[in-house]
Amino acid sequence: MTSVIEISLMITAIHICCRDGMIFSEPRIFVQNRLCRRFGHRISAIIEKPLFACLVCMSSVWGLAGCIALNIPASEWIFTILQVCGLNSIITYFVKE
């Protein structure tokens, strides 16, 4: 359970740091512009969600990265990612844009 909380807090930190005026806002804007030019606005919006735009959607990509970084056994990845998704859903209620 500790790893679920750790991964969720890391994802929340990435999400918050990508907001306007925060430390990762410039890299976020750069990535958004590149994705829009490459794929168009509609596809870009879909790709952005699991990268930095949606706290719940970020559970998939960053949750897997967290599982690998924390040496969680592969047999537990799906359960860990689902738990992170659930926790991020709760956090979304408290973190307002």
PDB file of N, CA and C in Angstrom:
ATOM      1  N   MET A   1       0.816  -1.199   0.000  1.00  0.00           N
ATOM      2  CA  MET A   1       0.000   0.000   0.000  1.00  0.00           C
ATOM      3  C   MET A   1       0.859   1.261   0.000  1.00  0.00           C
ATOM      4  N   THR A   2       2.012   1.179   0.634  1.00  0.00           N
ATOM      5  CA  THR A   2       2.903   2.331   0.676  1.00  0.00           C
ATOM      6  C   THR A   2       3.331   2.733  -0.723  1.00  0.00           C
ATOM      7  N   SER A   3       3.602   1.755  -1.580  1.00  0.00           N
ATOM      8  CA  SER A   3       4.026   2.073  -2.940  1.00  0.00           C
ATOM      9  C   SER A   3       2.905   2.742  -3.726  1.00  0.00           C
ATOM     10  N   VAL A   4       1.666   2.385  -3.471  1.00  0.00           N
ATOM     11  CA  VAL A   4       0.527   3.016  -4.148  1.00  0.00           C
ATOM     12  C   VAL A   4       0.472   4.495  -3.785  1.00  0.00           C
ATOM     13  N   ILE A   5       0.652   4.801  -2.523  1.00  0.00           N
ATOM     14  CA  ILE A   5       0.632   6.194  -2.078  1.00  0.00           C
ATOM     15  C   ILE A   5       1.816   6.958  -2.668  1.00  0.00           C
ATOM     16  N   GLU A   6       2.989   6.339  -2.665  1.00  0.00           N
ATOM     17  CA  GLU A   6       4.183   6.983  -3.235  1.00  0.00           C
ATOM     18  C   GLU A   6       3.979   7.304  -4.709  1.00  0.00           C
ATOM     19  N   ILE A   7       3.498   6.339  -5.483  1.00  0.00           N
ATOM     20  CA  ILE A   7       3.285   6.550  -6.917  1.00  0.00           C
ATOM     21  C   ILE A   7       2.229   7.623  -7.139  1.00  0.00           C
ATOM     22  N   SER A   8       1.157   7.577  -6.379  1.00  0.00           N
ATOM     23  CA  SER A   8       0.091   8.559  -6.529  1.00  0.00           C
ATOM     24  C   SER A   8       0.589   9.968  -6.218  1.00  0.00           C
ATOM     25  N   LEU A   9       1.384  10.118  -5.182  1.00  0.00           N
ATOM     26  CA  LEU A   9       1.926  11.436  -4.844  1.00  0.00           C
ATOM     27  C   LEU A   9       2.906  11.928  -5.903  1.00  0.00           C
ATOM     28  N   MET A  10       3.689  11.027  -6.483  1.00  0.00           N
ATOM     29  CA  MET A  10       4.597  11.430  -7.564  1.00  0.00           C
ATOM     30  C   MET A  10       3.804  11.910  -8.781  1.00  0.00           C
ATOM     31  N   ILE A  11       2.748  11.196  -9.118  1.00  0.00           N
ATOM     32  CA  ILE A  11       1.907  11.583 -10.252  1.00  0.00           C
ATOM     33  C   ILE A  11       1.240  12.931  -9.978  1.00  0.00           C
ATOM     34  N   THR A  12       0.752  13.117  -8.764  1.00  0.00           N
ATOM     35  CA  THR A  12       0.133  14.398  -8.401  1.00  0.00           C
ATOM     36  C   THR A  12       1.145  15.532  -8.512  1.00  0.00           C
ATOM     37  N   ALA A  13       2.368  15.286  -8.082  1.00  0.00           N
ATOM     38  CA  ALA A  13       3.412  16.310  -8.183  1.00  0.00           C
ATOM     39  C   ALA A  13       3.696  16.671  -9.638  1.00  0.00           C
ATOM     40  N   ILE A  14       3.789  15.680 -10.500  1.00  0.00           N
ATOM     41  CA  ILE A  14       4.017  15.946 -11.930  1.00  0.00           C
ATOM     42  C   ILE A  14       2.867  16.764 -12.498  1.00  0.00           C
ATOM     43  N   HIS A  15       1.651  16.367 -12.158  1.00  0.00           N
ATOM     44  CA  HIS A  15       0.461  17.067 -12.652  1.00  0.00           C
ATOM     45  C   HIS A  15       0.453  18.529 -12.200  1.00  0.00           C
ATOM     46  N   ILE A  16       0.715  18.770 -10.939  1.00  0.00           N
ATOM     47  CA  ILE A  16       0.710  20.130 -10.387  1.00  0.00           C
ATOM     48  C   ILE A  16       1.852  20.956 -11.000  1.00  0.00           C
ATOM     49  N   CYS A  17       3.020  20.351 -11.148  1.00  0.00           N
ATOM     50  CA  CYS A  17       4.180  21.081 -11.676  1.00  0.00           C
ATOM     51  C   CYS A  17       4.042  21.428 -13.159  1.00  0.00           C
ATOM     52  N   CYS A  18       3.097  20.803 -13.853  1.00  0.00           N
ATOM     53  CA  CYS A  18       2.876  21.101 -15.273  1.00  0.00           C
ATOM     54  C   CYS A  18       1.838  22.200 -15.494  1.00  0.00           C
ATOM     55  N   ARG A  19       1.273  22.730 -14.431  1.00  0.00           N
ATOM     56  CA  ARG A  19       0.296  23.806 -14.562  1.00  0.00           C
ATOM     57  C   ARG A  19       0.977  25.094 -15.027  1.00  0.00           C
ATOM     58  N   ASP A  20       0.158  26.029 -15.512  1.00  0.00           N
ATOM     59  CA  ASP A  20       0.676  27.326 -15.937  1.00  0.00           C
ATOM     60  C   ASP A  20       1.379  28.021 -14.781  1.00  0.00           C
ATOM     61  N   GLY A  21       2.566  28.550 -15.072  1.00  0.00           N
ATOM     62  CA  GLY A  21       3.336  29.270 -14.074  1.00  0.00           C
ATOM     63  C   GLY A  21       4.200  28.399 -13.186  1.00  0.00           C
ATOM     64  N   MET A  22       4.080  27.096 -13.310  1.00  0.00           N
ATOM     65  CA  MET A  22       4.880  26.193 -12.491  1.00  0.00           C
ATOM     66  C   MET A  22       6.144  25.787 -13.252  1.00  0.00           C
ATOM     67  N   ILE A  23       6.997  25.008 -12.606  1.00  0.00           N
ATOM     68  CA  ILE A  23       8.323  24.723 -13.148  1.00  0.00           C
ATOM     69  C   ILE A  23       8.313  23.943 -14.471  1.00  0.00           C
ATOM     70  N   PHE A  24       7.334  23.062 -14.658  1.00  0.00           N
ATOM     71  CA  PHE A  24       7.275  22.276 -15.888  1.00  0.00           C
ATOM     72  C   PHE A  24       6.279  22.827 -16.904  1.00  0.00           C
ATOM     73  N   SER A  25       5.826  24.062 -16.728  1.00  0.00           N
ATOM     74  CA  SER A  25       4.842  24.601 -17.671  1.00  0.00           C
ATOM     75  C   SER A  25       5.455  24.826 -19.054  1.00  0.00           C
ATOM     76  N   GLU A  26       6.698  25.294 -19.110  1.00  0.00           N
ATOM     77  CA  GLU A  26       7.348  25.513 -20.411  1.00  0.00           C
ATOM     78  C   GLU A  26       7.569  24.198 -21.163  1.00  0.00           C
ATOM     79  N   PRO A  27       8.116  23.157 -20.521  1.00  0.00           N
ATOM     80  CA  PRO A  27       8.229  21.878 -21.230  1.00  0.00           C
ATOM     81  C   PRO A  27       6.869  21.322 -21.659  1.00  0.00           C
ATOM     82  N   ARG A  28       5.827  21.519 -20.831  1.00  0.00           N
ATOM     83  CA  ARG A  28       4.478  21.071 -21.190  1.00  0.00           C
ATOM     84  C   ARG A  28       3.993  21.778 -22.443  1.00  0.00           C
ATOM     85  N   ILE A  29       4.182  23.079 -22.499  1.00  0.00           N
ATOM     86  CA  ILE A  29       3.763  23.852 -23.668  1.00  0.00           C
ATOM     87  C   ILE A  29       4.531  23.398 -24.907  1.00  0.00           C
ATOM     88  N   PHE A  30       5.827  23.145 -24.758  1.00  0.00           N
ATOM     89  CA  PHE A  30       6.633  22.662 -25.872  1.00  0.00           C
ATOM     90  C   PHE A  30       6.087  21.330 -26.392  1.00  0.00           C
ATOM     91  N   VAL A  31       5.806  20.404 -25.470  1.00  0.00           N
ATOM     92  CA  VAL A  31       5.275  19.095 -25.864  1.00  0.00           C
ATOM     93  C   VAL A  31       3.898  19.251 -26.511  1.00  0.00           C
ATOM     94  N   GLN A  32       3.047  20.096 -25.957  1.00  0.00           N
ATOM     95  CA  GLN A  32       1.727  20.325 -26.539  1.00  0.00           C
ATOM     96  C   GLN A  32       1.838  20.848 -27.964  1.00  0.00           C
ATOM     97  N   ASN A  33       2.718  21.815 -28.176  1.00  0.00           N
ATOM     98  CA  ASN A  33       2.886  22.376 -29.513  1.00  0.00           C
ATOM     99  C   ASN A  33       3.401  21.337 -30.502  1.00  0.00           C
ATOM    100  N   ARG A  34       4.365  20.537 -30.076  1.00  0.00           N
ATOM    101  CA  ARG A  34       4.914  19.492 -30.955  1.00  0.00           C
ATOM    102  C   ARG A  34       3.844  18.448 -31.294  1.00  0.00           C
ATOM    103  N   LEU A  35       3.059  18.049 -30.302  1.00  0.00           N
ATOM    104  CA  LEU A  35       2.008  17.060 -30.541  1.00  0.00           C
ATOM    105  C   LEU A  35       0.937  17.618 -31.478  1.00  0.00           C
ATOM    106  N   CYS A  36       0.578  18.889 -31.292  1.00  0.00           N
ATOM    107  CA  CYS A  36      -0.437  19.507 -32.157  1.00  0.00           C
ATOM    108  C   CYS A  36       0.039  19.563 -33.601  1.00  0.00           C
ATOM    109  N   ARG A  37       1.311  19.935 -33.793  1.00  0.00           N
ATOM    110  CA  ARG A  37       1.850  19.996 -35.156  1.00  0.00           C
ATOM    111  C   ARG A  37       1.940  18.616 -35.786  1.00  0.00           C
ATOM    112  N   ARG A  38       2.280  17.638 -34.984  1.00  0.00           N
ATOM    113  CA  ARG A  38       2.495  16.281 -35.504  1.00  0.00           C
ATOM    114  C   ARG A  38       1.182  15.533 -35.753  1.00  0.00           C
ATOM    115  N   PHE A  39       0.235  15.639 -34.813  1.00  0.00           N
ATOM    116  CA  PHE A  39      -0.973  14.824 -34.886  1.00  0.00           C
ATOM    117  C   PHE A  39      -2.270  15.602 -35.037  1.00  0.00           C
ATOM    118  N   GLY A  40      -2.216  16.913 -34.860  1.00  0.00           N
ATOM    119  CA  GLY A  40      -3.440  17.702 -34.869  1.00  0.00           C
ATOM    120  C   GLY A  40      -3.968  17.854 -33.461  1.00  0.00           C
ATOM    121  N   HIS A  41      -4.849  18.824 -33.271  1.00  0.00           N
ATOM    122  CA  HIS A  41      -5.310  19.163 -31.922  1.00  0.00           C
ATOM    123  C   HIS A  41      -6.115  18.040 -31.265  1.00  0.00           C
ATOM    124  N   ARG A  42      -6.964  17.372 -32.020  1.00  0.00           N
ATOM    125  CA  ARG A  42      -7.827  16.337 -31.432  1.00  0.00           C
ATOM    126  C   ARG A  42      -7.011  15.168 -30.883  1.00  0.00           C
ATOM    127  N   ILE A  43      -6.077  14.651 -31.666  1.00  0.00           N
ATOM    128  CA  ILE A  43      -5.235  13.530 -31.219  1.00  0.00           C
ATOM    129  C   ILE A  43      -4.279  13.998 -30.132  1.00  0.00           C
ATOM    130  N   SER A  44      -3.770  15.218 -30.269  1.00  0.00           N
ATOM    131  CA  SER A  44      -2.865  15.769 -29.265  1.00  0.00           C
ATOM    132  C   SER A  44      -3.532  15.814 -27.896  1.00  0.00           C
ATOM    133  N   ALA A  45      -4.777  16.231 -27.838  1.00  0.00           N
ATOM    134  CA  ALA A  45      -5.497  16.302 -26.565  1.00  0.00           C
ATOM    135  C   ALA A  45      -5.622  14.924 -25.918  1.00  0.00           C
ATOM    136  N   ILE A  46      -5.775  13.899 -26.730  1.00  0.00           N
ATOM    137  CA  ILE A  46      -5.879  12.528 -26.208  1.00  0.00           C
ATOM    138  C   ILE A  46      -4.534  12.056 -25.654  1.00  0.00           C
ATOM    139  N   ILE A  47      -3.456  12.371 -26.351  1.00  0.00           N
ATOM    140  CA  ILE A  47      -2.116  11.948 -25.925  1.00  0.00           C
ATOM    141  C   ILE A  47      -1.676  12.693 -24.667  1.00  0.00           C
ATOM    142  N   GLU A  48      -2.065  13.955 -24.547  1.00  0.00           N
ATOM    143  CA  GLU A  48      -1.654  14.784 -23.413  1.00  0.00           C
ATOM    144  C   GLU A  48      -2.223  14.289 -22.087  1.00  0.00           C
ATOM    145  N   LYS A  49      -3.412  13.725 -22.107  1.00  0.00           N
ATOM    146  CA  LYS A  49      -4.061  13.318 -20.851  1.00  0.00           C
ATOM    147  C   LYS A  49      -3.208  12.361 -20.021  1.00  0.00           C
ATOM    148  N   PRO A  50      -2.723  11.252 -20.558  1.00  0.00           N
ATOM    149  CA  PRO A  50      -1.920  10.363 -19.705  1.00  0.00           C
ATOM    150  C   PRO A  50      -0.509  10.882 -19.430  1.00  0.00           C
ATOM    151  N   LEU A  51      -0.076  11.895 -20.164  1.00  0.00           N
ATOM    152  CA  LEU A  51       1.259  12.441 -19.921  1.00  0.00           C
ATOM    153  C   LEU A  51       1.276  13.481 -18.812  1.00  0.00           C
ATOM    154  N   PHE A  52       0.317  14.433 -18.841  1.00  0.00           N
ATOM    155  CA  PHE A  52       0.345  15.500 -17.843  1.00  0.00           C
ATOM    156  C   PHE A  52      -0.987  16.212 -17.612  1.00  0.00           C
ATOM    157  N   ALA A  53      -2.015  15.921 -18.385  1.00  0.00           N
ATOM    158  CA  ALA A  53      -3.228  16.732 -18.339  1.00  0.00           C
ATOM    159  C   ALA A  53      -4.337  16.195 -17.429  1.00  0.00           C
ATOM    160  N   CYS A  54      -4.372  14.911 -17.162  1.00  0.00           N
ATOM    161  CA  CYS A  54      -5.467  14.330 -16.377  1.00  0.00           C
ATOM    162  C   CYS A  54      -4.880  13.438 -15.282  1.00  0.00           C
ATOM    163  N   LEU A  55      -5.151  13.795 -14.061  1.00  0.00           N
ATOM    164  CA  LEU A  55      -4.574  13.072 -12.932  1.00  0.00           C
ATOM    165  C   LEU A  55      -4.960  11.596 -12.928  1.00  0.00           C
ATOM    166  N   VAL A  56      -6.203  11.292 -13.276  1.00  0.00           N
ATOM    167  CA  VAL A  56      -6.651   9.897 -13.312  1.00  0.00           C
ATOM    168  C   VAL A  56      -6.010   9.163 -14.489  1.00  0.00           C
ATOM    169  N   CYS A  57      -5.993   9.794 -15.652  1.00  0.00           N
ATOM    170  CA  CYS A  57      -5.397   9.168 -16.842  1.00  0.00           C
ATOM    171  C   CYS A  57      -3.894   8.954 -16.685  1.00  0.00           C
ATOM    172  N   MET A  58      -3.258   9.819 -15.925  1.00  0.00           N
ATOM    173  CA  MET A  58      -1.811   9.700 -15.712  1.00  0.00           C
ATOM    174  C   MET A  58      -1.442   8.444 -14.937  1.00  0.00           C
ATOM    175  N   SER A  59      -2.411   7.838 -14.285  1.00  0.00           N
ATOM    176  CA  SER A  59      -2.147   6.611 -13.524  1.00  0.00           C
ATOM    177  C   SER A  59      -1.626   5.498 -14.414  1.00  0.00           C
ATOM    178  N   SER A  60      -2.057   5.474 -15.665  1.00  0.00           N
ATOM    179  CA  SER A  60      -1.632   4.394 -16.556  1.00  0.00           C
ATOM    180  C   SER A  60      -0.152   4.492 -16.899  1.00  0.00           C
ATOM    181  N   VAL A  61       0.258   5.590 -17.474  1.00  0.00           N
ATOM    182  CA  VAL A  61       1.653   5.745 -17.927  1.00  0.00           C
ATOM    183  C   VAL A  61       2.598   5.895 -16.746  1.00  0.00           C
ATOM    184  N   TRP A  62       2.313   6.851 -15.870  1.00  0.00           N
ATOM    185  CA  TRP A  62       3.209   7.123 -14.763  1.00  0.00           C
ATOM    186  C   TRP A  62       3.110   6.044 -13.685  1.00  0.00           C
ATOM    187  N   GLY A  63       1.975   5.387 -13.594  1.00  0.00           N
ATOM    188  CA  GLY A  63       1.844   4.281 -12.658  1.00  0.00           C
ATOM    189  C   GLY A  63       2.751   3.122 -13.036  1.00  0.00           C
ATOM    190  N   LEU A  64       2.809   2.835 -14.328  1.00  0.00           N
ATOM    191  CA  LEU A  64       3.717   1.787 -14.804  1.00  0.00           C
ATOM    192  C   LEU A  64       5.171   2.184 -14.558  1.00  0.00           C
ATOM    193  N   ALA A  65       5.489   3.447 -14.850  1.00  0.00           N
ATOM    194  CA  ALA A  65       6.856   3.923 -14.597  1.00  0.00           C
ATOM    195  C   ALA A  65       7.191   3.826 -13.103  1.00  0.00           C
ATOM    196  N   GLY A  66       6.231   4.161 -12.251  1.00  0.00           N
ATOM    197  CA  GLY A  66       6.448   4.053 -10.808  1.00  0.00           C
ATOM    198  C   GLY A  66       6.642   2.620 -10.356  1.00  0.00           C
ATOM    199  N   CYS A  67       5.878   1.703 -10.944  1.00  0.00           N
ATOM    200  CA  CYS A  67       6.029   0.276 -10.608  1.00  0.00           C
ATOM    201  C   CYS A  67       7.427  -0.215 -10.950  1.00  0.00           C
ATOM    202  N   ILE A  68       7.909   0.204 -12.104  1.00  0.00           N
ATOM    203  CA  ILE A  68       9.253  -0.200 -12.526  1.00  0.00           C
ATOM    204  C   ILE A  68      10.306   0.436 -11.617  1.00  0.00           C
ATOM    205  N   ALA A  69      10.142   1.736 -11.325  1.00  0.00           N
ATOM    206  CA  ALA A  69      11.119   2.449 -10.502  1.00  0.00           C
ATOM    207  C   ALA A  69      11.168   1.908  -9.076  1.00  0.00           C
ATOM    208  N   LEU A  70      10.046   1.473  -8.550  1.00  0.00           N
ATOM    209  CA  LEU A  70       9.992   0.970  -7.177  1.00  0.00           C
ATOM    210  C   LEU A  70      10.173  -0.549  -7.094  1.00  0.00           C
ATOM    211  N   ASN A  71      10.532  -1.168  -8.216  1.00  0.00           N
ATOM    212  CA  ASN A  71      10.794  -2.615  -8.271  1.00  0.00           C
ATOM    213  C   ASN A  71       9.624  -3.455  -7.785  1.00  0.00           C
ATOM    214  N   ILE A  72       8.437  -3.059  -8.187  1.00  0.00           N
ATOM    215  CA  ILE A  72       7.247  -3.837  -7.862  1.00  0.00           C
ATOM    216  C   ILE A  72       7.183  -5.021  -8.830  1.00  0.00           C
ATOM    217  N   PRO A  73       6.930  -6.230  -8.352  1.00  0.00           N
ATOM    218  CA  PRO A  73       6.876  -7.387  -9.250  1.00  0.00           C
ATOM    219  C   PRO A  73       5.812  -7.203 -10.341  1.00  0.00           C
ATOM    220  N   ALA A  74       6.124  -7.664 -11.535  1.00  0.00           N
ATOM    221  CA  ALA A  74       5.227  -7.493 -12.684  1.00  0.00           C
ATOM    222  C   ALA A  74       3.846  -8.090 -12.432  1.00  0.00           C
ATOM    223  N   SER A  75       3.785  -9.120 -11.624  1.00  0.00           N
ATOM    224  CA  SER A  75       2.489  -9.750 -11.327  1.00  0.00           C
ATOM    225  C   SER A  75       1.571  -8.823 -10.529  1.00  0.00           C
ATOM    226  N   GLU A  76       2.106  -7.787  -9.916  1.00  0.00           N
ATOM    227  CA  GLU A  76       1.317  -6.854  -9.115  1.00  0.00           C
ATOM    228  C   GLU A  76       1.054  -5.519  -9.817  1.00  0.00           C
ATOM    229  N   TRP A  77       1.587  -5.335 -11.010  1.00  0.00           N
ATOM    230  CA  TRP A  77       1.469  -4.042 -11.700  1.00  0.00           C
ATOM    231  C   TRP A  77       0.019  -3.624 -11.910  1.00  0.00           C
ATOM    232  N   ILE A  78      -0.807  -4.508 -12.430  1.00  0.00           N
ATOM    233  CA  ILE A  78      -2.179  -4.127 -12.758  1.00  0.00           C
ATOM    234  C   ILE A  78      -2.949  -3.712 -11.503  1.00  0.00           C
ATOM    235  N   PHE A  79      -2.766  -4.445 -10.409  1.00  0.00           N
ATOM    236  CA  PHE A  79      -3.451  -4.111  -9.163  1.00  0.00           C
ATOM    237  C   PHE A  79      -2.939  -2.791  -8.595  1.00  0.00           C
ATOM    238  N   THR A  80      -1.635  -2.583  -8.676  1.00  0.00           N
ATOM    239  CA  THR A  80      -1.051  -1.341  -8.182  1.00  0.00           C
ATOM    240  C   THR A  80      -1.545  -0.153  -8.995  1.00  0.00           C
ATOM    241  N   ILE A  81      -1.560  -0.282 -10.322  1.00  0.00           N
ATOM    242  CA  ILE A  81      -2.000   0.808 -11.190  1.00  0.00           C
ATOM    243  C   ILE A  81      -3.480   1.119 -10.956  1.00  0.00           C
ATOM    244  N   LEU A  82      -4.295   0.089 -10.765  1.00  0.00           N
ATOM    245  CA  LEU A  82      -5.713   0.321 -10.485  1.00  0.00           C
ATOM    246  C   LEU A  82      -5.914   1.014  -9.137  1.00  0.00           C
ATOM    247  N   GLN A  83      -5.117   0.647  -8.156  1.00  0.00           N
ATOM    248  CA  GLN A  83      -5.206   1.305  -6.856  1.00  0.00           C
ATOM    249  C   GLN A  83      -4.748   2.761  -6.948  1.00  0.00           C
ATOM    250  N   VAL A  84      -3.700   3.010  -7.707  1.00  0.00           N
ATOM    251  CA  VAL A  84      -3.223   4.373  -7.922  1.00  0.00           C
ATOM    252  C   VAL A  84      -4.302   5.191  -8.626  1.00  0.00           C
ATOM    253  N   CYS A  85      -4.957   4.589  -9.608  1.00  0.00           N
ATOM    254  CA  CYS A  85      -6.043   5.266 -10.321  1.00  0.00           C
ATOM    255  C   CYS A  85      -7.165   5.644  -9.361  1.00  0.00           C
ATOM    256  N   GLY A  86      -7.526   4.742  -8.489  1.00  0.00           N
ATOM    257  CA  GLY A  86      -8.570   5.024  -7.510  1.00  0.00           C
ATOM    258  C   GLY A  86      -8.173   6.135  -6.558  1.00  0.00           C
ATOM    259  N   LEU A  87      -6.950   6.092  -6.073  1.00  0.00           N
ATOM    260  CA  LEU A  87      -6.471   7.136  -5.172  1.00  0.00           C
ATOM    261  C   LEU A  87      -6.399   8.481  -5.890  1.00  0.00           C
ATOM    262  N   ASN A  88      -5.957   8.473  -7.144  1.00  0.00           N
ATOM    263  CA  ASN A  88      -5.898   9.714  -7.912  1.00  0.00           C
ATOM    264  C   ASN A  88      -7.290  10.277  -8.177  1.00  0.00           C
ATOM    265  N   SER A  89      -8.275   9.411  -8.296  1.00  0.00           N
ATOM    266  CA  SER A  89      -9.658   9.874  -8.453  1.00  0.00           C
ATOM    267  C   SER A  89     -10.099  10.646  -7.220  1.00  0.00           C
ATOM    268  N   ILE A  90      -9.720  10.157  -6.060  1.00  0.00           N
ATOM    269  CA  ILE A  90     -10.049  10.853  -4.816  1.00  0.00           C
ATOM    270  C   ILE A  90      -9.284  12.175  -4.728  1.00  0.00           C
ATOM    271  N   ILE A  91      -8.010  12.150  -5.075  1.00  0.00           N
ATOM    272  CA  ILE A  91      -7.187  13.361  -5.027  1.00  0.00           C
ATOM    273  C   ILE A  91      -7.718  14.416  -5.983  1.00  0.00           C
ATOM    274  N   THR A  92      -8.240  13.994  -7.131  1.00  0.00           N
ATOM    275  CA  THR A  92      -8.794  14.926  -8.114  1.00  0.00           C
ATOM    276  C   THR A  92      -9.893  15.797  -7.505  1.00  0.00           C
ATOM    277  N   TYR A  93     -10.634  15.230  -6.586  1.00  0.00           N
ATOM    278  CA  TYR A  93     -11.705  15.976  -5.918  1.00  0.00           C
ATOM    279  C   TYR A  93     -11.139  17.156  -5.131  1.00  0.00           C
ATOM    280  N   PHE A  94      -9.948  16.979  -4.557  1.00  0.00           N
ATOM    281  CA  PHE A  94      -9.343  18.006  -3.723  1.00  0.00           C
ATOM    282  C   PHE A  94      -8.435  18.966  -4.484  1.00  0.00           C
ATOM    283  N   VAL A  95      -7.854  18.519  -5.591  1.00  0.00           N
ATOM    284  CA  VAL A  95      -6.952  19.357  -6.379  1.00  0.00           C
ATOM    285  C   VAL A  95      -7.761  20.046  -7.446  1.00  0.00           C
ATOM    286  N   LYS A  96      -7.997  21.326  -7.281  1.00  0.00           N
ATOM    287  CA  LYS A  96      -8.786  22.089  -8.237  1.00  0.00           C
ATOM    288  C   LYS A  96      -7.864  22.800  -9.216  1.00  0.00           C
ATOM    289  N   GLU A  97      -8.344  22.964 -10.420  1.00  0.00           N
ATOM    290  CA  GLU A  97      -7.571  23.678 -11.453  1.00  0.00           C
ATOM    291  C   GLU A  97      -7.599  25.152 -11.203  1.00  0.00           C
TER     292      GLU A  97
END
